[in-house]
Amino acid sequence: MRLLTDLCNRLTRIAMLWLAVVVWLLPGVVRADDKRFRLSAPVALAQSGLLEHIIPRFALKTGVRVEVVDEGAEAEITLGSQGERAVFEGAGVLWRMAIEGKHPGAAKFADWLTSEIGQRTVTSYEVAGVAPFRLPEIVEEAEVAQSFDGDAAVGKQASLLLCGRCHVVAPENRMSAIGSTPSFAVLRSFADWDARFQSFYALRPHPAFTQVEGVTQPFASHLPSPISPIEVSLDELEAIIAYVAGLTPADLGAPIQVQ
């Protein structure tokens, strides 16, 4: 009888130990889920190519991953003809966004999609030179102001290291860059500078030699990088954008007047 009691006590202690381990690990699991959410969309929207255009750019900015699921499937965000907020028009539909629950990653996506940069990302998508999606004619909510939370000091150092071989990033490298590439100050003067930096990896010639951790695919075996590749993390990119946001735009003068 005593042996049986000792065995029960030992099993109880083991069970309590495993329970403590599970409880200790649970916050980490929750944090991991905060960086991934599901987005439900009809077949017409999923096959339009728009989601493949906007989702990687959102992931670059936030580090949040989006899983696209079928219409009607359980999801934190649903894009369709029904919803609280109109976000864009296209394919004969006024597309609306509905949010289910309070998932932090989904909330970031909703803020980004309705911000100025998110809306520009939607309208910049083209098929055969035509933009199939546009902004809704009636703006239901004010745009969310875009903010850049990266460390600008870290961004400057990352810019000098990763971008300085081609671009003039700061006075420190003004004599060592390639003269035919625009400086960061010139790029900062463009109205869409933030969109350009967030999607730089997709803008020529960067795809040939750039790898963004967790976003881009590895180089094809028959198309290796022609130069020493640039490898950048999402944190480094966010820091670079924060650095560029604080630069004084270059004065390029008044637009050319044609008479």
C-alpha atoms as a PDB file:
ATOM      1  CA  MET A   1       0.000   0.000   0.000  1.00  0.00           C
ATOM      2  CA  ARG A   2       2.841   2.367   0.835  1.00  0.00           C
ATOM      3  CA  LEU A   3       4.500   1.639  -2.511  1.00  0.00           C
ATOM      4  CA  LEU A   4       1.266   2.522  -4.273  1.00  0.00           C
ATOM      5  CA  THR A   5       1.003   5.784  -2.319  1.00  0.00           C
ATOM      6  CA  ASP A   6       4.616   6.712  -3.149  1.00  0.00           C
ATOM      7  CA  LEU A   7       3.990   5.972  -6.825  1.00  0.00           C
ATOM      8  CA  CYS A   8       0.878   8.176  -6.859  1.00  0.00           C
ATOM      9  CA  ASN A   9       2.768  11.028  -5.183  1.00  0.00           C
ATOM     10  CA  ARG A  10       5.604  10.725  -7.689  1.00  0.00           C
ATOM     11  CA  LEU A  11       3.199  10.772 -10.648  1.00  0.00           C
ATOM     12  CA  THR A  12       1.447  13.803  -9.160  1.00  0.00           C
ATOM     13  CA  ARG A  13       4.747  15.685  -8.856  1.00  0.00           C
ATOM     14  CA  ILE A  14       5.650  14.822 -12.455  1.00  0.00           C
ATOM     15  CA  ALA A  15       2.244  16.006 -13.678  1.00  0.00           C
ATOM     16  CA  MET A  16       2.589  19.273 -11.760  1.00  0.00           C
ATOM     17  CA  LEU A  17       6.072  19.785 -13.219  1.00  0.00           C
ATOM     18  CA  TRP A  18       4.798  19.349 -16.776  1.00  0.00           C
ATOM     19  CA  LEU A  19       1.896  21.689 -16.062  1.00  0.00           C
ATOM     20  CA  ALA A  20       4.339  24.344 -14.841  1.00  0.00           C
ATOM     21  CA  VAL A  21       6.404  23.958 -18.011  1.00  0.00           C
ATOM     22  CA  VAL A  22       3.313  24.377 -20.202  1.00  0.00           C
ATOM     23  CA  VAL A  23       2.183  27.472 -18.286  1.00  0.00           C
ATOM     24  CA  TRP A  24       5.687  28.957 -18.538  1.00  0.00           C
ATOM     25  CA  LEU A  25       5.799  28.397 -22.301  1.00  0.00           C
ATOM     26  CA  LEU A  26       2.271  29.658 -22.963  1.00  0.00           C
ATOM     27  CA  PRO A  27       3.131  33.413 -23.105  1.00  0.00           C
ATOM     28  CA  GLY A  28       5.716  32.659 -25.797  1.00  0.00           C
ATOM     29  CA  VAL A  29       3.095  30.840 -27.830  1.00  0.00           C
ATOM     30  CA  VAL A  30       0.730  33.771 -27.501  1.00  0.00           C
ATOM     31  CA  ARG A  31       3.443  36.181 -28.614  1.00  0.00           C
ATOM     32  CA  ALA A  32       4.155  34.018 -31.658  1.00  0.00           C
ATOM     33  CA  ASP A  33       0.456  34.088 -32.587  1.00  0.00           C
ATOM     34  CA  ASP A  34       0.521  37.883 -32.314  1.00  0.00           C
ATOM     35  CA  LYS A  35       2.796  37.896 -35.374  1.00  0.00           C
ATOM     36  CA  ARG A  36       0.460  35.851 -37.585  1.00  0.00           C
ATOM     37  CA  PHE A  37      -3.218  36.170 -38.443  1.00  0.00           C
ATOM     38  CA  ARG A  38      -5.713  34.868 -41.009  1.00  0.00           C
ATOM     39  CA  LEU A  39      -7.319  36.947 -43.748  1.00  0.00           C
ATOM     40  CA  SER A  40     -10.414  35.647 -45.537  1.00  0.00           C
ATOM     41  CA  ALA A  41     -11.054  36.744 -49.121  1.00  0.00           C
ATOM     42  CA  PRO A  42     -13.300  35.606 -51.996  1.00  0.00           C
ATOM     43  CA  VAL A  43     -11.736  33.729 -54.904  1.00  0.00           C
ATOM     44  CA  ALA A  44     -12.089  36.772 -57.197  1.00  0.00           C
ATOM     45  CA  LEU A  45      -9.964  38.927 -54.902  1.00  0.00           C
ATOM     46  CA  ALA A  46      -7.486  36.175 -54.053  1.00  0.00           C
ATOM     47  CA  GLN A  47      -6.851  35.495 -57.747  1.00  0.00           C
ATOM     48  CA  SER A  48      -6.607  39.172 -58.723  1.00  0.00           C
ATOM     49  CA  GLY A  49      -2.980  39.388 -57.576  1.00  0.00           C
ATOM     50  CA  LEU A  50      -3.658  42.340 -55.265  1.00  0.00           C
ATOM     51  CA  LEU A  51      -3.116  40.404 -52.049  1.00  0.00           C
ATOM     52  CA  GLU A  52       0.199  39.047 -53.338  1.00  0.00           C
ATOM     53  CA  HIS A  53       1.164  42.673 -54.001  1.00  0.00           C
ATOM     54  CA  ILE A  54       0.198  44.236 -50.663  1.00  0.00           C
ATOM     55  CA  ILE A  55       0.844  41.476 -48.102  1.00  0.00           C
ATOM     56  CA  PRO A  56       4.665  41.255 -48.538  1.00  0.00           C
ATOM     57  CA  ARG A  57       4.906  45.033 -48.232  1.00  0.00           C
ATOM     58  CA  PHE A  58       2.864  44.971 -45.030  1.00  0.00           C
ATOM     59  CA  ALA A  59       5.082  42.175 -43.688  1.00  0.00           C
ATOM     60  CA  LEU A  60       8.169  44.259 -44.462  1.00  0.00           C
ATOM     61  CA  LYS A  61       6.872  47.126 -42.360  1.00  0.00           C
ATOM     62  CA  THR A  62       5.551  45.160 -39.383  1.00  0.00           C
ATOM     63  CA  GLY A  63       7.025  41.656 -39.362  1.00  0.00           C
ATOM     64  CA  VAL A  64       3.462  40.285 -39.138  1.00  0.00           C
ATOM     65  CA  ARG A  65       2.649  37.302 -41.363  1.00  0.00           C
ATOM     66  CA  VAL A  66      -0.732  36.949 -43.093  1.00  0.00           C
ATOM     67  CA  GLU A  67      -2.328  33.610 -43.986  1.00  0.00           C
ATOM     68  CA  VAL A  68      -4.947  33.988 -46.740  1.00  0.00           C
ATOM     69  CA  VAL A  69      -7.861  31.581 -46.232  1.00  0.00           C
ATOM     70  CA  ASP A  70     -10.987  30.836 -48.258  1.00  0.00           C
ATOM     71  CA  GLU A  71     -14.135  32.926 -48.071  1.00  0.00           C
ATOM     72  CA  GLY A  72     -16.226  31.930 -45.073  1.00  0.00           C
ATOM     73  CA  ALA A  73     -13.306  30.341 -43.204  1.00  0.00           C
ATOM     74  CA  GLU A  74     -12.498  31.447 -39.670  1.00  0.00           C
ATOM     75  CA  ALA A  75     -10.322  34.562 -39.852  1.00  0.00           C
ATOM     76  CA  GLU A  76      -9.348  37.675 -37.923  1.00  0.00           C
ATOM     77  CA  ILE A  77      -9.938  39.935 -40.955  1.00  0.00           C
ATOM     78  CA  THR A  78     -12.424  39.460 -43.792  1.00  0.00           C
ATOM     79  CA  LEU A  79     -12.383  41.353 -47.084  1.00  0.00           C
ATOM     80  CA  GLY A  80     -15.667  41.288 -48.961  1.00  0.00           C
ATOM     81  CA  SER A  81     -18.752  43.259 -49.880  1.00  0.00           C
ATOM     82  CA  GLN A  82     -19.845  43.399 -46.230  1.00  0.00           C
ATOM     83  CA  GLY A  83     -17.957  45.090 -43.416  1.00  0.00           C
ATOM     84  CA  GLU A  84     -17.574  48.188 -41.294  1.00  0.00           C
ATOM     85  CA  ARG A  85     -14.985  49.970 -43.407  1.00  0.00           C
ATOM     86  CA  ALA A  86     -14.669  50.530 -47.175  1.00  0.00           C
ATOM     87  CA  VAL A  87     -11.021  50.149 -48.188  1.00  0.00           C
ATOM     88  CA  PHE A  88     -10.882  50.029 -52.014  1.00  0.00           C
ATOM     89  CA  GLU A  89     -12.898  49.465 -55.188  1.00  0.00           C
ATOM     90  CA  GLY A  90     -12.250  47.095 -58.063  1.00  0.00           C
ATOM     91  CA  ALA A  91     -13.721  44.276 -60.147  1.00  0.00           C
ATOM     92  CA  GLY A  92     -17.138  45.911 -59.777  1.00  0.00           C
ATOM     93  CA  VAL A  93     -17.089  45.620 -55.981  1.00  0.00           C
ATOM     94  CA  LEU A  94     -16.703  48.119 -53.149  1.00  0.00           C
ATOM     95  CA  TRP A  95     -14.426  46.040 -50.934  1.00  0.00           C
ATOM     96  CA  ARG A  96     -14.964  46.356 -47.211  1.00  0.00           C
ATOM     97  CA  MET A  97     -12.985  45.132 -44.244  1.00  0.00           C
ATOM     98  CA  ALA A  98     -14.437  43.398 -41.203  1.00  0.00           C
ATOM     99  CA  ILE A  99     -12.341  42.712 -38.101  1.00  0.00           C
ATOM    100  CA  GLU A 100     -13.082  39.804 -35.770  1.00  0.00           C
ATOM    101  CA  GLY A 101     -11.706  40.037 -32.249  1.00  0.00           C
ATOM    102  CA  LYS A 102      -8.738  42.083 -31.064  1.00  0.00           C
ATOM    103  CA  HIS A 103      -5.765  40.330 -32.638  1.00  0.00           C
ATOM    104  CA  PRO A 104      -2.820  42.804 -32.504  1.00  0.00           C
ATOM    105  CA  GLY A 105      -1.445  41.721 -35.887  1.00  0.00           C
ATOM    106  CA  ALA A 106      -4.843  42.130 -37.526  1.00  0.00           C
ATOM    107  CA  ALA A 107      -5.188  45.571 -35.932  1.00  0.00           C
ATOM    108  CA  LYS A 108      -1.823  46.581 -37.420  1.00  0.00           C
ATOM    109  CA  PHE A 109      -2.961  45.409 -40.851  1.00  0.00           C
ATOM    110  CA  ALA A 110      -6.222  47.367 -40.588  1.00  0.00           C
ATOM    111  CA  ASP A 111      -4.320  50.523 -39.612  1.00  0.00           C
ATOM    112  CA  TRP A 112      -1.755  50.027 -42.385  1.00  0.00           C
ATOM    113  CA  LEU A 113      -4.312  49.305 -45.116  1.00  0.00           C
ATOM    114  CA  THR A 114      -6.271  52.466 -44.311  1.00  0.00           C
ATOM    115  CA  SER A 115      -3.175  54.649 -43.932  1.00  0.00           C
ATOM    116  CA  GLU A 116      -1.798  56.792 -46.744  1.00  0.00           C
ATOM    117  CA  ILE A 117       0.989  54.348 -47.555  1.00  0.00           C
ATOM    118  CA  GLY A 118      -1.364  51.358 -47.506  1.00  0.00           C
ATOM    119  CA  GLN A 119      -3.803  53.074 -49.847  1.00  0.00           C
ATOM    120  CA  ARG A 120      -0.957  54.027 -52.200  1.00  0.00           C
ATOM    121  CA  THR A 121       0.198  50.425 -52.186  1.00  0.00           C
ATOM    122  CA  VAL A 122      -3.263  49.303 -53.317  1.00  0.00           C
ATOM    123  CA  THR A 123      -3.501  51.846 -56.127  1.00  0.00           C
ATOM    124  CA  SER A 124       0.069  51.184 -57.301  1.00  0.00           C
ATOM    125  CA  TYR A 125      -0.804  47.595 -58.226  1.00  0.00           C
ATOM    126  CA  GLU A 126      -1.028  47.240 -62.013  1.00  0.00           C
ATOM    127  CA  VAL A 127      -1.932  44.514 -64.485  1.00  0.00           C
ATOM    128  CA  ALA A 128      -0.694  45.098 -68.042  1.00  0.00           C
ATOM    129  CA  GLY A 129      -0.174  48.777 -67.240  1.00  0.00           C
ATOM    130  CA  VAL A 130      -3.669  49.273 -65.795  1.00  0.00           C
ATOM    131  CA  ALA A 131      -4.483  49.798 -62.105  1.00  0.00           C
ATOM    132  CA  PRO A 132      -7.569  47.612 -61.444  1.00  0.00           C
ATOM    133  CA  PHE A 133      -8.139  48.904 -57.915  1.00  0.00           C
ATOM    134  CA  ARG A 134      -8.793  52.441 -56.712  1.00  0.00           C
ATOM    135  CA  LEU A 135      -9.735  54.183 -53.497  1.00  0.00           C
ATOM    136  CA  PRO A 136     -13.397  54.328 -52.501  1.00  0.00           C
ATOM    137  CA  GLU A 137     -15.110  57.525 -53.579  1.00  0.00           C
ATOM    138  CA  ILE A 138     -16.506  58.072 -50.089  1.00  0.00           C
ATOM    139  CA  VAL A 139     -13.849  58.108 -47.389  1.00  0.00           C
ATOM    140  CA  GLU A 140     -15.544  56.716 -44.301  1.00  0.00           C
ATOM    141  CA  GLU A 141     -12.702  57.229 -41.850  1.00  0.00           C
ATOM    142  CA  ALA A 142      -9.749  59.545 -41.563  1.00  0.00           C
ATOM    143  CA  GLU A 143      -6.457  58.052 -42.657  1.00  0.00           C
ATOM    144  CA  VAL A 144      -4.179  56.812 -39.941  1.00  0.00           C
ATOM    145  CA  ALA A 145      -1.002  58.847 -39.700  1.00  0.00           C
ATOM    146  CA  GLN A 146       2.054  56.808 -40.619  1.00  0.00           C
ATOM    147  CA  SER A 147       4.696  56.490 -37.926  1.00  0.00           C
ATOM    148  CA  PHE A 148       8.182  55.013 -38.010  1.00  0.00           C
ATOM    149  CA  ASP A 149       9.258  53.351 -34.790  1.00  0.00           C
ATOM    150  CA  GLY A 150      12.731  52.138 -35.737  1.00  0.00           C
ATOM    151  CA  ASP A 151      15.974  53.377 -34.199  1.00  0.00           C
ATOM    152  CA  ALA A 152      17.249  56.121 -36.532  1.00  0.00           C
ATOM    153  CA  ALA A 153      20.830  55.857 -35.229  1.00  0.00           C
ATOM    154  CA  VAL A 154      20.872  52.133 -35.954  1.00  0.00           C
ATOM    155  CA  GLY A 155      19.253  52.883 -39.308  1.00  0.00           C
ATOM    156  CA  LYS A 156      22.041  55.254 -40.280  1.00  0.00           C
ATOM    157  CA  GLN A 157      24.726  52.678 -39.554  1.00  0.00           C
ATOM    158  CA  ALA A 158      22.770  49.964 -41.377  1.00  0.00           C
ATOM    159  CA  SER A 159      22.292  52.306 -44.351  1.00  0.00           C
ATOM    160  CA  LEU A 160      26.001  53.078 -44.555  1.00  0.00           C
ATOM    161  CA  LEU A 161      26.880  49.391 -44.351  1.00  0.00           C
ATOM    162  CA  LEU A 162      24.202  47.957 -46.659  1.00  0.00           C
ATOM    163  CA  CYS A 163      23.348  50.822 -49.026  1.00  0.00           C
ATOM    164  CA  GLY A 164      26.433  53.024 -48.941  1.00  0.00           C
ATOM    165  CA  ARG A 165      28.298  51.216 -51.693  1.00  0.00           C
ATOM    166  CA  CYS A 166      25.797  52.637 -54.223  1.00  0.00           C
ATOM    167  CA  HIS A 167      23.873  55.502 -52.559  1.00  0.00           C
ATOM    168  CA  VAL A 168      25.084  58.592 -50.744  1.00  0.00           C
ATOM    169  CA  VAL A 169      23.546  57.913 -47.357  1.00  0.00           C
ATOM    170  CA  ALA A 170      25.201  60.661 -45.300  1.00  0.00           C
ATOM    171  CA  PRO A 171      28.118  63.099 -45.631  1.00  0.00           C
ATOM    172  CA  GLU A 172      30.422  60.330 -44.407  1.00  0.00           C
ATOM    173  CA  ASN A 173      30.170  58.390 -47.680  1.00  0.00           C
ATOM    174  CA  ARG A 174      29.526  61.135 -50.230  1.00  0.00           C
ATOM    175  CA  MET A 175      32.790  60.371 -52.032  1.00  0.00           C
ATOM    176  CA  SER A 176      32.473  56.573 -52.092  1.00  0.00           C
ATOM    177  CA  ALA A 177      29.031  56.007 -53.655  1.00  0.00           C
ATOM    178  CA  ILE A 178      28.062  55.549 -57.298  1.00  0.00           C
ATOM    179  CA  GLY A 179      27.295  58.913 -58.867  1.00  0.00           C
ATOM    180  CA  SER A 180      24.488  57.581 -61.059  1.00  0.00           C
ATOM    181  CA  THR A 181      22.348  56.437 -58.117  1.00  0.00           C
ATOM    182  CA  PRO A 182      20.126  58.915 -56.223  1.00  0.00           C
ATOM    183  CA  SER A 183      21.190  59.892 -52.735  1.00  0.00           C
ATOM    184  CA  PHE A 184      18.962  59.227 -49.746  1.00  0.00           C
ATOM    185  CA  ALA A 185      18.266  62.978 -49.540  1.00  0.00           C
ATOM    186  CA  VAL A 186      17.020  62.962 -53.141  1.00  0.00           C
ATOM    187  CA  LEU A 187      14.883  59.872 -52.519  1.00  0.00           C
ATOM    188  CA  ARG A 188      13.481  61.569 -49.393  1.00  0.00           C
ATOM    189  CA  SER A 189      12.187  64.409 -51.580  1.00  0.00           C
ATOM    190  CA  PHE A 190       9.812  62.069 -53.455  1.00  0.00           C
ATOM    191  CA  ALA A 191       6.181  62.095 -52.338  1.00  0.00           C
ATOM    192  CA  ASP A 192       6.164  58.296 -52.131  1.00  0.00           C
ATOM    193  CA  TRP A 193       9.601  57.899 -50.548  1.00  0.00           C
ATOM    194  CA  ASP A 194       8.277  55.683 -47.752  1.00  0.00           C
ATOM    195  CA  ALA A 195       6.601  53.273 -50.173  1.00  0.00           C
ATOM    196  CA  ARG A 196       9.803  53.099 -52.207  1.00  0.00           C
ATOM    197  CA  PHE A 197      11.893  52.189 -49.180  1.00  0.00           C
ATOM    198  CA  GLN A 198       9.397  49.669 -47.831  1.00  0.00           C
ATOM    199  CA  SER A 199       9.293  47.837 -51.166  1.00  0.00           C
ATOM    200  CA  PHE A 200      12.838  48.587 -52.354  1.00  0.00           C
ATOM    201  CA  TYR A 201      13.627  44.889 -52.640  1.00  0.00           C
ATOM    202  CA  ALA A 202      11.104  44.620 -55.488  1.00  0.00           C
ATOM    203  CA  LEU A 203      12.329  47.710 -57.375  1.00  0.00           C
ATOM    204  CA  ARG A 204      14.976  47.233 -60.029  1.00  0.00           C
ATOM    205  CA  PRO A 205      17.842  46.539 -59.799  1.00  0.00           C
ATOM    206  CA  HIS A 206      17.528  45.403 -56.155  1.00  0.00           C
ATOM    207  CA  PRO A 207      15.804  42.006 -56.706  1.00  0.00           C
ATOM    208  CA  ALA A 208      18.948  40.671 -58.389  1.00  0.00           C
ATOM    209  CA  PHE A 209      21.103  41.039 -55.273  1.00  0.00           C
ATOM    210  CA  THR A 210      18.825  41.612 -52.264  1.00  0.00           C
ATOM    211  CA  GLN A 211      17.536  39.171 -49.656  1.00  0.00           C
ATOM    212  CA  VAL A 212      15.025  40.323 -47.031  1.00  0.00           C
ATOM    213  CA  GLU A 213      14.869  37.883 -44.147  1.00  0.00           C
ATOM    214  CA  GLY A 214      11.525  36.080 -44.034  1.00  0.00           C
ATOM    215  CA  VAL A 215      10.152  37.867 -47.115  1.00  0.00           C
ATOM    216  CA  THR A 216      12.109  37.197 -50.313  1.00  0.00           C
ATOM    217  CA  GLN A 217      12.787  33.810 -51.863  1.00  0.00           C
ATOM    218  CA  PRO A 218      16.373  32.510 -52.139  1.00  0.00           C
ATOM    219  CA  PHE A 219      18.158  33.293 -55.388  1.00  0.00           C
ATOM    220  CA  ALA A 220      17.484  30.766 -58.131  1.00  0.00           C
ATOM    221  CA  SER A 221      20.387  28.373 -58.667  1.00  0.00           C
ATOM    222  CA  HIS A 222      20.814  29.597 -62.259  1.00  0.00           C
ATOM    223  CA  LEU A 223      20.519  33.288 -61.279  1.00  0.00           C
ATOM    224  CA  PRO A 224      23.035  33.967 -58.496  1.00  0.00           C
ATOM    225  CA  SER A 225      23.586  37.494 -57.233  1.00  0.00           C
ATOM    226  CA  PRO A 226      25.935  39.376 -59.590  1.00  0.00           C
ATOM    227  CA  ILE A 227      27.548  41.128 -56.608  1.00  0.00           C
ATOM    228  CA  SER A 228      28.015  40.420 -52.933  1.00  0.00           C
ATOM    229  CA  PRO A 229      24.346  40.172 -51.892  1.00  0.00           C
ATOM    230  CA  ILE A 230      22.623  42.585 -49.539  1.00  0.00           C
ATOM    231  CA  GLU A 231      21.009  40.721 -46.633  1.00  0.00           C
ATOM    232  CA  VAL A 232      18.690  42.819 -44.482  1.00  0.00           C
ATOM    233  CA  SER A 233      16.293  41.982 -41.649  1.00  0.00           C
ATOM    234  CA  LEU A 234      12.891  43.565 -41.073  1.00  0.00           C
ATOM    235  CA  ASP A 235      14.227  45.306 -37.947  1.00  0.00           C
ATOM    236  CA  GLU A 236      17.110  46.796 -39.936  1.00  0.00           C
ATOM    237  CA  LEU A 237      14.740  47.964 -42.673  1.00  0.00           C
ATOM    238  CA  GLU A 238      12.448  49.617 -40.126  1.00  0.00           C
ATOM    239  CA  ALA A 239      15.467  51.379 -38.620  1.00  0.00           C
ATOM    240  CA  ILE A 240      16.617  52.536 -42.072  1.00  0.00           C
ATOM    241  CA  ILE A 241      13.172  53.982 -42.822  1.00  0.00           C
ATOM    242  CA  ALA A 242      13.181  55.795 -39.456  1.00  0.00           C
ATOM    243  CA  TYR A 243      16.570  57.281 -40.351  1.00  0.00           C
ATOM    244  CA  VAL A 244      15.409  58.430 -43.793  1.00  0.00           C
ATOM    245  CA  ALA A 245      12.242  59.931 -42.269  1.00  0.00           C
ATOM    246  CA  GLY A 246      14.442  62.332 -40.300  1.00  0.00           C
ATOM    247  CA  LEU A 247      16.499  63.481 -43.296  1.00  0.00           C
ATOM    248  CA  THR A 248      16.000  66.899 -44.861  1.00  0.00           C
ATOM    249  CA  PRO A 249      14.712  66.341 -48.408  1.00  0.00           C
ATOM    250  CA  ALA A 250      17.037  67.563 -51.150  1.00  0.00           C
ATOM    251  CA  ASP A 251      15.931  70.811 -52.812  1.00  0.00           C
ATOM    252  CA  LEU A 252      15.484  69.860 -56.461  1.00  0.00           C
ATOM    253  CA  GLY A 253      14.027  73.221 -57.449  1.00  0.00           C
ATOM    254  CA  ALA A 254      10.642  74.007 -58.957  1.00  0.00           C
ATOM    255  CA  PRO A 255       9.103  71.604 -61.491  1.00  0.00           C
ATOM    256  CA  ILE A 256       9.973  72.305 -65.135  1.00  0.00           C
ATOM    257  CA  GLN A 257       7.367  74.482 -66.817  1.00  0.00           C
ATOM    258  CA  VAL A 258       6.614  73.543 -70.432  1.00  0.00           C
ATOM    259  CA  GLN A 259       5.119  76.229 -72.653  1.00  0.00           C
END
